[in-house]
């Protein structure tokens, strides 16, 4: 159970701060929800408390772990399938895992691929989504601004 003020990660949406715990009736069912504010987009998300185990909610990484994430960004590109469809599914699975290191790999690989040759629309969407998720967690873990994190990510990815 998390509390108001806790910093958590909601896979596929990113990291945020629990602003409230509210009971709401939706479609005739009353449930308790975490009200999560994701600072990067200033978006609010309602997460049913009784389903947090199934969706992979976890605490935000520590400031020390941010260095490990940067290490993933600085590493060499991981071998990816040549088939676009397989690559797309592999990247989506990595993002859905909620593991920040997997998300960092997706960002690194797609940025490097984009520098080589332009990404397709689908892969560009995955890159943008993964970058948002990665940025939101580093912002909260490192107490950095969005601009600082964007530069940090871009400068960490080397060919």
Protein backbone atom coordinates (compact mmCIF):
# COMPACT_ATOMS: atom_id res chain seq x y z
CA UNK A 1 0.00 0.00 0.00
CA UNK A 2 1.32 3.39 -0.97
CA UNK A 3 0.60 6.71 0.72
CA UNK A 4 -0.05 10.28 -0.37
CA UNK A 5 3.25 11.85 -1.43
CA UNK A 6 4.83 8.55 -2.51
CA UNK A 7 6.59 8.55 -5.88
CA UNK A 8 5.58 5.56 -7.98
CA UNK A 9 5.84 4.31 -11.55
CA UNK A 10 2.75 3.33 -13.52
CA UNK A 11 4.02 1.30 -16.51
CA UNK A 12 3.03 2.72 -19.91
CA UNK A 13 2.32 6.14 -18.32
CA UNK A 14 5.43 6.99 -16.34
CA UNK A 15 6.35 8.16 -12.87
CA UNK A 16 4.26 10.39 -10.68
CA UNK A 17 3.37 11.44 -7.18
CA UNK A 18 0.29 10.16 -5.36
CA UNK A 19 -1.74 13.29 -4.62
CA UNK A 20 -4.77 11.64 -3.07
CA UNK A 21 -6.50 8.39 -2.27
CA UNK A 22 -10.18 8.65 -3.12
CA UNK A 23 -13.21 6.43 -3.17
CA UNK A 24 -15.22 6.78 -6.37
CA UNK A 25 -18.18 5.07 -7.92
CA UNK A 26 -17.65 4.21 -11.57
CA UNK A 27 -20.20 2.17 -13.53
CA UNK A 28 -22.00 1.26 -10.32
CA UNK A 29 -18.91 -0.08 -8.56
CA UNK A 30 -17.32 1.79 -5.66
CA UNK A 31 -13.54 1.39 -5.43
CA UNK A 32 -10.58 3.18 -3.88
CA UNK A 33 -8.18 4.88 -6.29
CA UNK A 34 -4.74 6.42 -6.15
CA UNK A 35 -4.82 9.82 -7.81
CA UNK A 36 -1.40 10.02 -9.49
CA UNK A 37 -0.05 13.28 -10.92
CA UNK A 38 2.58 12.77 -13.60
CA UNK A 39 4.61 15.99 -13.54
CA UNK A 40 6.05 15.76 -17.06
CA UNK A 41 2.65 16.20 -18.76
CA UNK A 42 0.86 17.48 -15.65
CA UNK A 43 -1.49 14.57 -16.26
CA UNK A 44 -3.63 12.96 -13.57
CA UNK A 45 -4.29 9.22 -13.59
CA UNK A 46 -6.67 7.22 -11.41
CA UNK A 47 -5.34 3.77 -10.49
CA UNK A 48 -7.66 1.28 -8.76
CA UNK A 49 -5.89 0.28 -5.55
CA UNK A 50 -7.15 -3.29 -5.74
CA UNK A 51 -5.43 -3.84 -9.10
CA UNK A 52 -1.97 -2.33 -8.48
CA UNK A 53 -0.24 -5.71 -8.27
CA UNK A 54 -1.51 -6.71 -11.70
CA UNK A 55 -0.37 -3.54 -13.47
CA UNK A 56 3.19 -3.49 -12.15
CA UNK A 57 3.16 -0.39 -9.96
CA UNK A 58 6.54 0.08 -8.25
CA UNK A 59 8.45 2.79 -6.38
CA UNK A 60 10.56 5.28 -8.36
CA UNK A 61 14.25 4.38 -8.58
CA UNK A 62 16.78 6.06 -6.28
CA UNK A 63 19.11 8.88 -7.23
CA UNK A 64 21.97 6.36 -7.24
CA UNK A 65 20.12 4.10 -9.69
CA UNK A 66 19.82 7.00 -12.15
CA UNK A 67 23.56 6.50 -12.81
CA UNK A 68 22.85 2.88 -13.80
CA UNK A 69 20.14 4.05 -16.20
CA UNK A 70 22.63 6.49 -17.76
CA UNK A 71 25.00 3.53 -18.11
CA UNK A 72 22.36 1.69 -20.14
CA UNK A 73 21.94 4.75 -22.38
CA UNK A 74 25.72 4.95 -22.90
CA UNK A 75 26.07 1.23 -23.74
CA UNK A 76 26.18 -0.20 -27.25
CA UNK A 77 23.00 -0.85 -29.17
CA UNK A 78 21.32 -4.18 -28.43
CA UNK A 79 20.71 -6.51 -31.37
CA UNK A 80 17.12 -6.02 -32.51
CA UNK A 81 15.06 -8.07 -34.97
CA UNK A 82 15.22 -6.84 -38.57
CA UNK A 83 11.52 -7.51 -39.03
CA UNK A 84 9.63 -4.32 -38.12
CA UNK A 85 6.69 -6.18 -36.59
CA UNK A 86 8.89 -8.31 -34.31
CA UNK A 87 10.94 -5.27 -33.31
CA UNK A 88 7.76 -3.34 -32.51
CA UNK A 89 6.41 -6.17 -30.31
CA UNK A 90 9.77 -6.63 -28.55
CA UNK A 91 9.95 -2.91 -27.77
CA UNK A 92 6.35 -2.81 -26.55
CA UNK A 93 6.99 -5.79 -24.26
CA UNK A 94 10.02 -4.02 -22.81
CA UNK A 95 8.02 -0.86 -22.12
CA UNK A 96 5.10 -2.80 -20.61
CA UNK A 97 7.51 -4.59 -18.25
CA UNK A 98 7.77 -1.36 -16.26
CA UNK A 99 11.51 -1.95 -15.83
CA UNK A 100 13.30 1.39 -16.22
CA UNK A 101 16.40 -0.32 -17.60
CA UNK A 102 14.35 -2.02 -20.34
CA UNK A 103 12.72 1.32 -21.20
CA UNK A 104 16.18 2.95 -21.35
CA UNK A 105 17.29 0.23 -23.79
CA UNK A 106 14.29 0.93 -26.04
CA UNK A 107 15.07 4.66 -26.03
CA UNK A 108 18.77 4.08 -26.74
CA UNK A 109 18.16 1.57 -29.54
CA UNK A 110 15.51 3.67 -31.28
CA UNK A 111 17.49 6.91 -31.00
CA UNK A 112 20.52 5.19 -32.54
CA UNK A 113 18.34 3.66 -35.25
CA UNK A 114 16.76 7.05 -35.96
CA UNK A 115 20.21 8.61 -36.37
CA UNK A 116 21.04 5.88 -38.90
CA UNK A 117 17.83 6.15 -40.88
CA UNK A 118 14.51 7.79 -40.07
CA UNK A 119 12.09 5.77 -37.96
CA UNK A 120 8.68 4.71 -39.17
CA UNK A 121 5.65 6.44 -37.68
CA UNK A 122 4.96 3.47 -35.39
CA UNK A 123 8.51 3.31 -34.08
CA UNK A 124 8.60 7.08 -33.62
CA UNK A 125 5.48 6.79 -31.41
CA UNK A 126 7.15 4.05 -29.36
CA UNK A 127 10.29 6.18 -28.99
CA UNK A 128 8.29 9.22 -27.86
CA UNK A 129 6.29 7.14 -25.38
CA UNK A 130 9.40 5.39 -23.99
CA UNK A 131 11.25 8.71 -23.75
CA UNK A 132 8.34 10.26 -21.77
CA UNK A 133 8.28 7.29 -19.37
CA UNK A 134 12.06 7.42 -18.92
CA UNK A 135 12.12 11.18 -18.45
CA UNK A 136 9.29 11.20 -15.91
CA UNK A 137 11.12 8.73 -13.67
CA UNK A 138 14.53 10.42 -13.94
CA UNK A 139 12.89 13.80 -13.19
CA UNK A 140 11.41 12.45 -9.96
CA UNK A 141 14.40 10.30 -8.97
CA UNK A 142 17.04 12.94 -9.64
CA UNK A 143 15.04 16.08 -8.77
CA UNK A 144 15.88 17.49 -12.21
CA UNK A 145 13.93 19.62 -14.68
CA UNK A 146 12.49 18.19 -17.90
CA UNK A 147 15.03 20.21 -19.91
CA UNK A 148 17.97 18.88 -17.88
CA UNK A 149 16.77 15.29 -18.30
CA UNK A 150 16.18 15.69 -22.05
CA UNK A 151 19.77 16.93 -22.49
CA UNK A 152 21.12 14.19 -20.19
CA UNK A 153 19.40 11.47 -22.22
CA UNK A 154 20.47 12.90 -25.58
CA UNK A 155 24.10 13.39 -24.52
CA UNK A 156 24.29 9.90 -22.94
CA UNK A 157 23.37 8.11 -26.15
CA UNK A 158 26.55 7.84 -28.16
CA UNK A 159 27.24 5.85 -31.29
